[in-house]
Amino acid sequence: MAEGIATDGKIISVNVSEATGVRKNDVGKCLLVEGHGLEGDAHAGDWHRQVSLLAMESVDKMRDKGLDVGPGDFGENLTTKGIELVTLPVGTRIKVGEGVLIEVSQIGKECTEPCAIYYQAGDCVMPREGIFAVVVEGGRVSVGDDIVVC
């Protein structure tokens, strides 16, 4: 990692939803299934965007613009604090908690049209600053868990 880039932080929210393109609800803890994603989440599956992550620092940027938003409001599965997620290159491995290992598979995303989140929040930071990962080694993840770039 580049000098000065934070490589460890905390999980501050674990979020799931039954549908895609909507705000997710903080469930506090969840099982990350190897090669699949968060148990019970609409985005889980056999593809390259099994888990989405967004930094609380990105959410705070939207709050500073006057939006009433919080963790999960941008559809992210894991809200983190202390790591500049958007600076991590594809292929970076991240350890979450005691045994979960995820690998960055995509930085940001292209939205062809505004989603429900955009209409509800007035903006969506996820396409610019969110990252996506696949689950290499599964296990439980909980609010308060350490998150460390390997």
N, C-alpha and C. Protein backbone atom coordinates (compact mmCIF):
# COMPACT_ATOMS: atom_id res chain seq x y z
N MET A 1 0.84 -1.19 0.00
CA MET A 1 0.00 0.00 0.00
C MET A 1 0.88 1.25 0.00
N ALA A 2 0.34 2.30 -0.53
CA ALA A 2 1.07 3.56 -0.58
C ALA A 2 1.26 4.11 0.83
N GLU A 3 2.37 4.81 1.01
CA GLU A 3 2.65 5.39 2.31
C GLU A 3 1.56 6.38 2.69
N GLY A 4 1.13 6.33 3.93
CA GLY A 4 0.11 7.24 4.41
C GLY A 4 -1.32 6.74 4.22
N ILE A 5 -1.50 5.63 3.51
CA ILE A 5 -2.84 5.08 3.30
C ILE A 5 -3.18 4.18 4.49
N ALA A 6 -4.34 4.44 5.10
CA ALA A 6 -4.77 3.63 6.24
C ALA A 6 -5.08 2.21 5.75
N THR A 7 -4.55 1.21 6.47
CA THR A 7 -4.76 -0.18 6.07
C THR A 7 -5.51 -1.00 7.11
N ASP A 8 -6.04 -0.34 8.14
CA ASP A 8 -6.89 -1.07 9.07
C ASP A 8 -7.95 -0.13 9.63
N GLY A 9 -9.06 -0.75 9.99
CA GLY A 9 -10.18 0.02 10.50
C GLY A 9 -11.17 -0.89 11.20
N LYS A 10 -12.43 -0.49 11.18
CA LYS A 10 -13.50 -1.24 11.87
C LYS A 10 -14.72 -1.36 10.98
N ILE A 11 -15.49 -2.41 11.22
CA ILE A 11 -16.81 -2.56 10.61
C ILE A 11 -17.78 -1.82 11.52
N ILE A 12 -18.52 -0.86 10.96
CA ILE A 12 -19.47 -0.13 11.80
C ILE A 12 -20.92 -0.47 11.49
N SER A 13 -21.14 -1.22 10.40
CA SER A 13 -22.50 -1.63 10.07
C SER A 13 -22.45 -2.83 9.14
N VAL A 14 -23.31 -3.83 9.39
CA VAL A 14 -23.44 -5.02 8.55
C VAL A 14 -24.87 -4.99 8.00
N ASN A 15 -25.01 -4.82 6.67
CA ASN A 15 -26.30 -4.50 6.08
C ASN A 15 -26.75 -5.52 5.04
N VAL A 16 -28.02 -5.86 5.07
CA VAL A 16 -28.60 -6.75 4.07
C VAL A 16 -29.96 -6.21 3.63
N SER A 17 -30.39 -6.67 2.45
CA SER A 17 -31.73 -6.37 1.95
C SER A 17 -32.21 -7.52 1.10
N GLU A 18 -33.52 -7.63 0.97
CA GLU A 18 -34.11 -8.70 0.17
C GLU A 18 -34.22 -8.32 -1.30
N ALA A 19 -34.01 -7.03 -1.63
CA ALA A 19 -34.09 -6.55 -3.01
C ALA A 19 -32.84 -5.77 -3.36
N THR A 20 -32.56 -5.64 -4.65
CA THR A 20 -31.43 -4.85 -5.10
C THR A 20 -31.86 -3.41 -5.34
N GLY A 21 -30.90 -2.49 -5.31
CA GLY A 21 -31.19 -1.09 -5.61
C GLY A 21 -31.91 -0.33 -4.52
N VAL A 22 -31.94 -0.87 -3.30
CA VAL A 22 -32.61 -0.20 -2.19
C VAL A 22 -31.65 -0.08 -1.01
N ARG A 23 -32.04 0.74 -0.06
CA ARG A 23 -31.27 0.86 1.18
C ARG A 23 -31.26 -0.48 1.89
N LYS A 24 -30.17 -0.76 2.58
CA LYS A 24 -30.07 -2.02 3.33
C LYS A 24 -30.21 -1.75 4.82
N ASN A 25 -30.63 -2.76 5.55
CA ASN A 25 -30.83 -2.65 7.00
C ASN A 25 -29.67 -3.27 7.76
N ASP A 26 -29.24 -2.58 8.82
CA ASP A 26 -28.16 -3.08 9.67
C ASP A 26 -28.68 -4.25 10.49
N VAL A 27 -28.06 -5.41 10.31
CA VAL A 27 -28.45 -6.61 11.06
C VAL A 27 -27.44 -6.92 12.18
N GLY A 28 -26.40 -6.11 12.30
CA GLY A 28 -25.44 -6.27 13.38
C GLY A 28 -24.38 -7.33 13.15
N LYS A 29 -24.80 -8.48 12.64
CA LYS A 29 -23.86 -9.55 12.31
C LYS A 29 -24.49 -10.43 11.24
N CYS A 30 -23.63 -11.12 10.50
CA CYS A 30 -24.14 -11.96 9.42
C CYS A 30 -23.06 -12.96 9.02
N LEU A 31 -23.48 -14.01 8.37
CA LEU A 31 -22.56 -15.00 7.85
C LEU A 31 -22.18 -14.64 6.42
N LEU A 32 -20.88 -14.55 6.16
CA LEU A 32 -20.38 -14.39 4.81
C LEU A 32 -20.06 -15.78 4.29
N VAL A 33 -20.70 -16.16 3.20
CA VAL A 33 -20.56 -17.50 2.64
C VAL A 33 -19.51 -17.47 1.53
N GLU A 34 -18.53 -18.35 1.64
CA GLU A 34 -17.46 -18.43 0.65
C GLU A 34 -18.04 -18.58 -0.76
N GLY A 35 -17.57 -17.73 -1.67
CA GLY A 35 -18.00 -17.80 -3.06
C GLY A 35 -19.43 -17.36 -3.29
N HIS A 36 -20.05 -16.71 -2.29
CA HIS A 36 -21.47 -16.35 -2.41
C HIS A 36 -21.78 -14.93 -1.93
N GLY A 37 -21.38 -14.57 -0.72
CA GLY A 37 -21.68 -13.25 -0.18
C GLY A 37 -22.39 -13.35 1.15
N LEU A 38 -23.11 -12.31 1.54
CA LEU A 38 -23.81 -12.29 2.82
C LEU A 38 -25.08 -13.12 2.75
N GLU A 39 -25.22 -14.00 3.71
CA GLU A 39 -26.40 -14.86 3.78
C GLU A 39 -27.66 -14.00 3.85
N GLY A 40 -28.61 -14.27 2.95
CA GLY A 40 -29.88 -13.57 2.94
C GLY A 40 -29.90 -12.24 2.21
N ASP A 41 -28.78 -11.86 1.58
CA ASP A 41 -28.75 -10.59 0.87
C ASP A 41 -29.04 -10.78 -0.61
N ALA A 42 -29.78 -9.83 -1.19
CA ALA A 42 -30.18 -9.91 -2.59
C ALA A 42 -29.01 -9.91 -3.56
N HIS A 43 -27.88 -9.31 -3.19
CA HIS A 43 -26.73 -9.25 -4.09
C HIS A 43 -25.85 -10.48 -4.02
N ALA A 44 -26.07 -11.35 -3.06
CA ALA A 44 -25.24 -12.54 -2.93
C ALA A 44 -25.44 -13.45 -4.13
N GLY A 45 -24.39 -14.16 -4.50
CA GLY A 45 -24.49 -15.08 -5.62
C GLY A 45 -23.13 -15.38 -6.20
N ASP A 46 -23.12 -16.17 -7.24
CA ASP A 46 -21.89 -16.60 -7.89
C ASP A 46 -21.50 -15.58 -8.95
N TRP A 47 -20.98 -14.43 -8.49
CA TRP A 47 -20.53 -13.39 -9.40
C TRP A 47 -19.47 -12.55 -8.73
N HIS A 48 -19.00 -11.50 -9.39
CA HIS A 48 -17.84 -10.74 -8.90
C HIS A 48 -18.21 -9.64 -7.90
N ARG A 49 -19.48 -9.39 -7.65
CA ARG A 49 -19.88 -8.34 -6.69
C ARG A 49 -20.69 -8.95 -5.55
N GLN A 50 -20.10 -9.93 -4.86
CA GLN A 50 -20.78 -10.64 -3.79
C GLN A 50 -20.99 -9.77 -2.55
N VAL A 51 -20.04 -8.89 -2.27
CA VAL A 51 -20.08 -8.03 -1.08
C VAL A 51 -19.73 -6.61 -1.52
N SER A 52 -20.51 -5.66 -1.04
CA SER A 52 -20.20 -4.25 -1.32
C SER A 52 -19.76 -3.57 -0.04
N LEU A 53 -18.79 -2.67 -0.16
CA LEU A 53 -18.26 -1.94 0.99
C LEU A 53 -18.25 -0.45 0.68
N LEU A 54 -18.55 0.33 1.69
CA LEU A 54 -18.50 1.79 1.58
C LEU A 54 -17.98 2.33 2.90
N ALA A 55 -17.08 3.30 2.81
CA ALA A 55 -16.51 3.91 4.01
C ALA A 55 -17.48 4.91 4.62
N MET A 56 -17.54 4.94 5.93
CA MET A 56 -18.35 5.93 6.64
C MET A 56 -17.90 7.33 6.27
N GLU A 57 -16.63 7.48 5.96
CA GLU A 57 -16.11 8.76 5.53
C GLU A 57 -16.83 9.23 4.25
N SER A 58 -17.19 8.30 3.36
CA SER A 58 -17.94 8.64 2.16
C SER A 58 -19.38 9.03 2.50
N VAL A 59 -19.98 8.31 3.43
CA VAL A 59 -21.33 8.65 3.89
C VAL A 59 -21.32 10.04 4.51
N ASP A 60 -20.28 10.34 5.28
CA ASP A 60 -20.17 11.65 5.92
C ASP A 60 -20.08 12.78 4.89
N LYS A 61 -19.46 12.52 3.73
CA LYS A 61 -19.41 13.53 2.67
C LYS A 61 -20.83 13.90 2.22
N MET A 62 -21.69 12.89 2.14
CA MET A 62 -23.08 13.14 1.74
C MET A 62 -23.84 13.88 2.84
N ARG A 63 -23.54 13.55 4.09
CA ARG A 63 -24.14 14.27 5.21
C ARG A 63 -23.74 15.73 5.19
N ASP A 64 -22.47 15.98 4.85
CA ASP A 64 -21.98 17.35 4.78
C ASP A 64 -22.70 18.16 3.70
N LYS A 65 -23.27 17.47 2.71
CA LYS A 65 -24.05 18.13 1.66
C LYS A 65 -25.50 18.34 2.08
N GLY A 66 -25.82 17.93 3.34
CA GLY A 66 -27.16 18.14 3.86
C GLY A 66 -28.09 16.96 3.74
N LEU A 67 -27.59 15.82 3.25
CA LEU A 67 -28.44 14.64 3.12
C LEU A 67 -28.57 13.92 4.45
N ASP A 68 -29.76 13.43 4.74
CA ASP A 68 -30.03 12.67 5.96
C ASP A 68 -29.82 11.19 5.66
N VAL A 69 -28.56 10.75 5.70
CA VAL A 69 -28.20 9.38 5.33
C VAL A 69 -27.31 8.77 6.39
N GLY A 70 -27.23 7.44 6.36
CA GLY A 70 -26.39 6.72 7.30
C GLY A 70 -25.94 5.40 6.71
N PRO A 71 -25.31 4.56 7.53
CA PRO A 71 -24.84 3.26 7.06
C PRO A 71 -25.98 2.43 6.46
N GLY A 72 -25.70 1.82 5.32
CA GLY A 72 -26.67 0.98 4.63
C GLY A 72 -27.55 1.74 3.64
N ASP A 73 -27.61 3.06 3.76
CA ASP A 73 -28.48 3.85 2.90
C ASP A 73 -28.06 3.86 1.43
N PHE A 74 -26.81 3.52 1.16
CA PHE A 74 -26.32 3.50 -0.23
C PHE A 74 -26.25 2.08 -0.77
N GLY A 75 -26.87 1.14 -0.05
CA GLY A 75 -26.95 -0.24 -0.51
C GLY A 75 -25.71 -1.07 -0.24
N GLU A 76 -24.80 -0.55 0.59
CA GLU A 76 -23.58 -1.31 0.88
C GLU A 76 -23.84 -2.37 1.94
N ASN A 77 -23.12 -3.49 1.81
CA ASN A 77 -23.22 -4.56 2.80
C ASN A 77 -22.42 -4.25 4.06
N LEU A 78 -21.21 -3.76 3.87
CA LEU A 78 -20.34 -3.47 5.00
C LEU A 78 -19.96 -2.00 4.98
N THR A 79 -20.28 -1.30 6.05
CA THR A 79 -19.86 0.08 6.20
C THR A 79 -18.63 0.05 7.09
N THR A 80 -17.55 0.67 6.63
CA THR A 80 -16.28 0.63 7.34
C THR A 80 -15.90 2.02 7.84
N LYS A 81 -14.92 2.06 8.71
CA LYS A 81 -14.36 3.33 9.16
C LYS A 81 -12.86 3.15 9.30
N GLY A 82 -12.10 4.09 8.76
CA GLY A 82 -10.66 4.06 8.95
C GLY A 82 -9.84 3.59 7.77
N ILE A 83 -10.48 3.08 6.72
CA ILE A 83 -9.74 2.62 5.53
C ILE A 83 -10.25 3.40 4.32
N GLU A 84 -9.31 3.89 3.50
CA GLU A 84 -9.67 4.57 2.26
C GLU A 84 -9.92 3.50 1.21
N LEU A 85 -11.12 2.95 1.23
CA LEU A 85 -11.46 1.81 0.38
C LEU A 85 -11.20 2.08 -1.10
N VAL A 86 -11.58 3.25 -1.56
CA VAL A 86 -11.50 3.56 -2.98
C VAL A 86 -10.05 3.56 -3.50
N THR A 87 -9.06 3.59 -2.61
CA THR A 87 -7.65 3.57 -3.02
C THR A 87 -7.12 2.15 -3.18
N LEU A 88 -7.89 1.15 -2.78
CA LEU A 88 -7.42 -0.23 -2.84
C LEU A 88 -7.57 -0.79 -4.25
N PRO A 89 -6.51 -1.32 -4.82
CA PRO A 89 -6.62 -1.88 -6.18
C PRO A 89 -7.36 -3.22 -6.20
N VAL A 90 -7.92 -3.54 -7.35
CA VAL A 90 -8.54 -4.85 -7.56
C VAL A 90 -7.49 -5.91 -7.25
N GLY A 91 -7.92 -6.95 -6.55
CA GLY A 91 -7.01 -8.03 -6.15
C GLY A 91 -6.53 -7.91 -4.71
N THR A 92 -6.76 -6.75 -4.09
CA THR A 92 -6.36 -6.56 -2.69
C THR A 92 -7.18 -7.49 -1.80
N ARG A 93 -6.53 -8.14 -0.87
CA ARG A 93 -7.23 -9.00 0.07
C ARG A 93 -7.41 -8.28 1.40
N ILE A 94 -8.59 -8.47 1.98
CA ILE A 94 -8.96 -7.80 3.23
C ILE A 94 -9.44 -8.85 4.21
N LYS A 95 -8.87 -8.83 5.42
CA LYS A 95 -9.30 -9.73 6.48
C LYS A 95 -10.34 -9.00 7.34
N VAL A 96 -11.45 -9.66 7.59
CA VAL A 96 -12.51 -9.09 8.41
C VAL A 96 -12.72 -9.99 9.62
N GLY A 97 -12.63 -9.40 10.82
CA GLY A 97 -12.81 -10.20 12.03
C GLY A 97 -11.72 -11.23 12.18
N GLU A 98 -12.11 -12.39 12.69
CA GLU A 98 -11.13 -13.45 12.98
C GLU A 98 -10.75 -14.30 11.79
N GLY A 99 -11.68 -14.55 10.86
CA GLY A 99 -11.33 -15.50 9.81
C GLY A 99 -11.87 -15.23 8.43
N VAL A 100 -12.63 -14.16 8.25
CA VAL A 100 -13.21 -13.88 6.93
C VAL A 100 -12.15 -13.21 6.06
N LEU A 101 -12.06 -13.67 4.82
CA LEU A 101 -11.14 -13.08 3.86
C LEU A 101 -11.91 -12.76 2.59
N ILE A 102 -11.84 -11.49 2.18
CA ILE A 102 -12.49 -11.07 0.94
C ILE A 102 -11.43 -10.49 0.02
N GLU A 103 -11.73 -10.46 -1.27
CA GLU A 103 -10.81 -9.92 -2.26
C GLU A 103 -11.51 -8.89 -3.12
N VAL A 104 -10.92 -7.70 -3.23
CA VAL A 104 -11.51 -6.62 -4.01
C VAL A 104 -11.61 -7.05 -5.47
N SER A 105 -12.80 -6.95 -6.03
CA SER A 105 -13.05 -7.38 -7.41
C SER A 105 -13.45 -6.23 -8.33
N GLN A 106 -13.87 -5.10 -7.76
CA GLN A 106 -14.29 -3.97 -8.58
C GLN A 106 -14.26 -2.70 -7.72
N ILE A 107 -13.85 -1.59 -8.33
CA ILE A 107 -13.86 -0.29 -7.67
C ILE A 107 -14.97 0.52 -8.32
N GLY A 108 -15.91 0.99 -7.52
CA GLY A 108 -17.02 1.77 -8.05
C GLY A 108 -17.88 0.95 -9.01
N LYS A 109 -18.88 1.61 -9.58
CA LYS A 109 -19.73 0.92 -10.55
C LYS A 109 -20.36 1.96 -11.46
N GLU A 110 -20.78 1.51 -12.60
CA GLU A 110 -21.45 2.40 -13.55
C GLU A 110 -22.95 2.19 -13.43
N CYS A 111 -23.66 3.26 -13.21
CA CYS A 111 -25.12 3.18 -13.14
C CYS A 111 -25.70 3.71 -14.45
N THR A 112 -26.50 2.91 -15.12
CA THR A 112 -27.09 3.34 -16.38
C THR A 112 -28.24 4.32 -16.18
N GLU A 113 -28.88 4.22 -15.03
CA GLU A 113 -29.94 5.16 -14.67
C GLU A 113 -29.99 5.27 -13.16
N PRO A 114 -30.50 6.38 -12.64
CA PRO A 114 -30.57 6.53 -11.19
C PRO A 114 -31.41 5.42 -10.54
N CYS A 115 -30.90 4.89 -9.43
CA CYS A 115 -31.60 3.83 -8.70
C CYS A 115 -32.49 4.44 -7.62
N ALA A 116 -33.18 3.59 -6.91
CA ALA A 116 -34.05 4.04 -5.83
C ALA A 116 -33.26 4.80 -4.77
N ILE A 117 -32.03 4.38 -4.54
CA ILE A 117 -31.19 5.05 -3.54
C ILE A 117 -30.98 6.51 -3.95
N TYR A 118 -30.68 6.73 -5.24
CA TYR A 118 -30.47 8.09 -5.73
C TYR A 118 -31.72 8.94 -5.49
N TYR A 119 -32.87 8.39 -5.80
CA TYR A 119 -34.11 9.15 -5.62
C TYR A 119 -34.44 9.37 -4.15
N GLN A 120 -34.11 8.41 -3.31
CA GLN A 120 -34.40 8.54 -1.87
C GLN A 120 -33.42 9.48 -1.18
N ALA A 121 -32.14 9.42 -1.57
CA ALA A 121 -31.11 10.18 -0.88
C ALA A 121 -30.72 11.47 -1.61
N GLY A 122 -31.07 11.58 -2.88
CA GLY A 122 -30.72 12.77 -3.65
C GLY A 122 -29.37 12.68 -4.32
N ASP A 123 -28.62 11.66 -4.02
CA ASP A 123 -27.32 11.42 -4.62
C ASP A 123 -26.93 10.00 -4.22
N CYS A 124 -25.98 9.44 -4.93
CA CYS A 124 -25.48 8.12 -4.54
C CYS A 124 -23.97 8.11 -4.70
N VAL A 125 -23.29 7.94 -3.59
CA VAL A 125 -21.83 7.94 -3.56
C VAL A 125 -21.26 6.56 -3.94
N MET A 126 -22.10 5.54 -3.91
CA MET A 126 -21.63 4.17 -4.16
C MET A 126 -20.92 4.02 -5.52
N PRO A 127 -21.46 4.59 -6.61
CA PRO A 127 -20.77 4.42 -7.90
C PRO A 127 -19.37 5.04 -7.92
N ARG A 128 -19.13 6.04 -7.11
CA ARG A 128 -17.85 6.73 -7.10
C ARG A 128 -16.87 6.18 -6.08
N GLU A 129 -17.38 5.78 -4.90
CA GLU A 129 -16.47 5.45 -3.80
C GLU A 129 -16.69 4.08 -3.18
N GLY A 130 -17.69 3.35 -3.63
CA GLY A 130 -17.90 2.01 -3.12
C GLY A 130 -16.97 1.02 -3.80
N ILE A 131 -16.71 -0.09 -3.12
CA ILE A 131 -15.93 -1.16 -3.73
C ILE A 131 -16.69 -2.47 -3.57
N PHE A 132 -16.31 -3.44 -4.36
CA PHE A 132 -16.97 -4.74 -4.35
C PHE A 132 -15.92 -5.82 -4.18
N ALA A 133 -16.36 -6.94 -3.59
CA ALA A 133 -15.42 -8.03 -3.31
C ALA A 133 -16.10 -9.38 -3.42
N VAL A 134 -15.27 -10.41 -3.56
CA VAL A 134 -15.74 -11.79 -3.49
C VAL A 134 -15.26 -12.37 -2.17
N VAL A 135 -16.01 -13.35 -1.66
CA VAL A 135 -15.66 -13.98 -0.39
C VAL A 135 -14.74 -15.17 -0.67
N VAL A 136 -13.49 -15.05 -0.20
CA VAL A 136 -12.49 -16.09 -0.39
C VAL A 136 -12.60 -17.13 0.73
N GLU A 137 -12.73 -16.66 1.97
CA GLU A 137 -12.93 -17.53 3.13
C GLU A 137 -14.09 -16.96 3.94
N GLY A 138 -15.12 -17.77 4.13
CA GLY A 138 -16.32 -17.31 4.81
C GLY A 138 -16.21 -17.35 6.32
N GLY A 139 -17.26 -16.83 6.95
CA GLY A 139 -17.34 -16.81 8.41
C GLY A 139 -18.26 -15.69 8.86
N ARG A 140 -18.36 -15.51 10.15
CA ARG A 140 -19.23 -14.46 10.71
C ARG A 140 -18.52 -13.12 10.72
N VAL A 141 -19.29 -12.09 10.41
CA VAL A 141 -18.80 -10.72 10.51
C VAL A 141 -19.78 -9.95 11.36
N SER A 142 -19.25 -9.09 12.22
CA SER A 142 -20.08 -8.35 13.17
C SER A 142 -19.63 -6.90 13.26
N VAL A 143 -20.57 -6.04 13.64
CA VAL A 143 -20.24 -4.65 13.94
C VAL A 143 -19.13 -4.66 15.00
N GLY A 144 -18.12 -3.83 14.79
CA GLY A 144 -17.00 -3.75 15.73
C GLY A 144 -15.80 -4.59 15.32
N ASP A 145 -15.99 -5.51 14.37
CA ASP A 145 -14.88 -6.33 13.91
C ASP A 145 -13.79 -5.45 13.29
N ASP A 146 -12.55 -5.90 13.45
CA ASP A 146 -11.44 -5.25 12.77
C ASP A 146 -11.50 -5.59 11.30
N ILE A 147 -11.02 -4.67 10.48
CA ILE A 147 -10.89 -4.91 9.05
C ILE A 147 -9.48 -4.48 8.69
N VAL A 148 -8.70 -5.40 8.08
CA VAL A 148 -7.29 -5.16 7.85
C VAL A 148 -6.95 -5.53 6.41
N VAL A 149 -6.26 -4.61 5.73
CA VAL A 149 -5.77 -4.89 4.38
C VAL A 149 -4.55 -5.78 4.50
N CYS A 150 -4.59 -6.91 3.79
CA CYS A 150 -3.49 -7.88 3.86
C CYS A 150 -2.32 -7.48 2.97
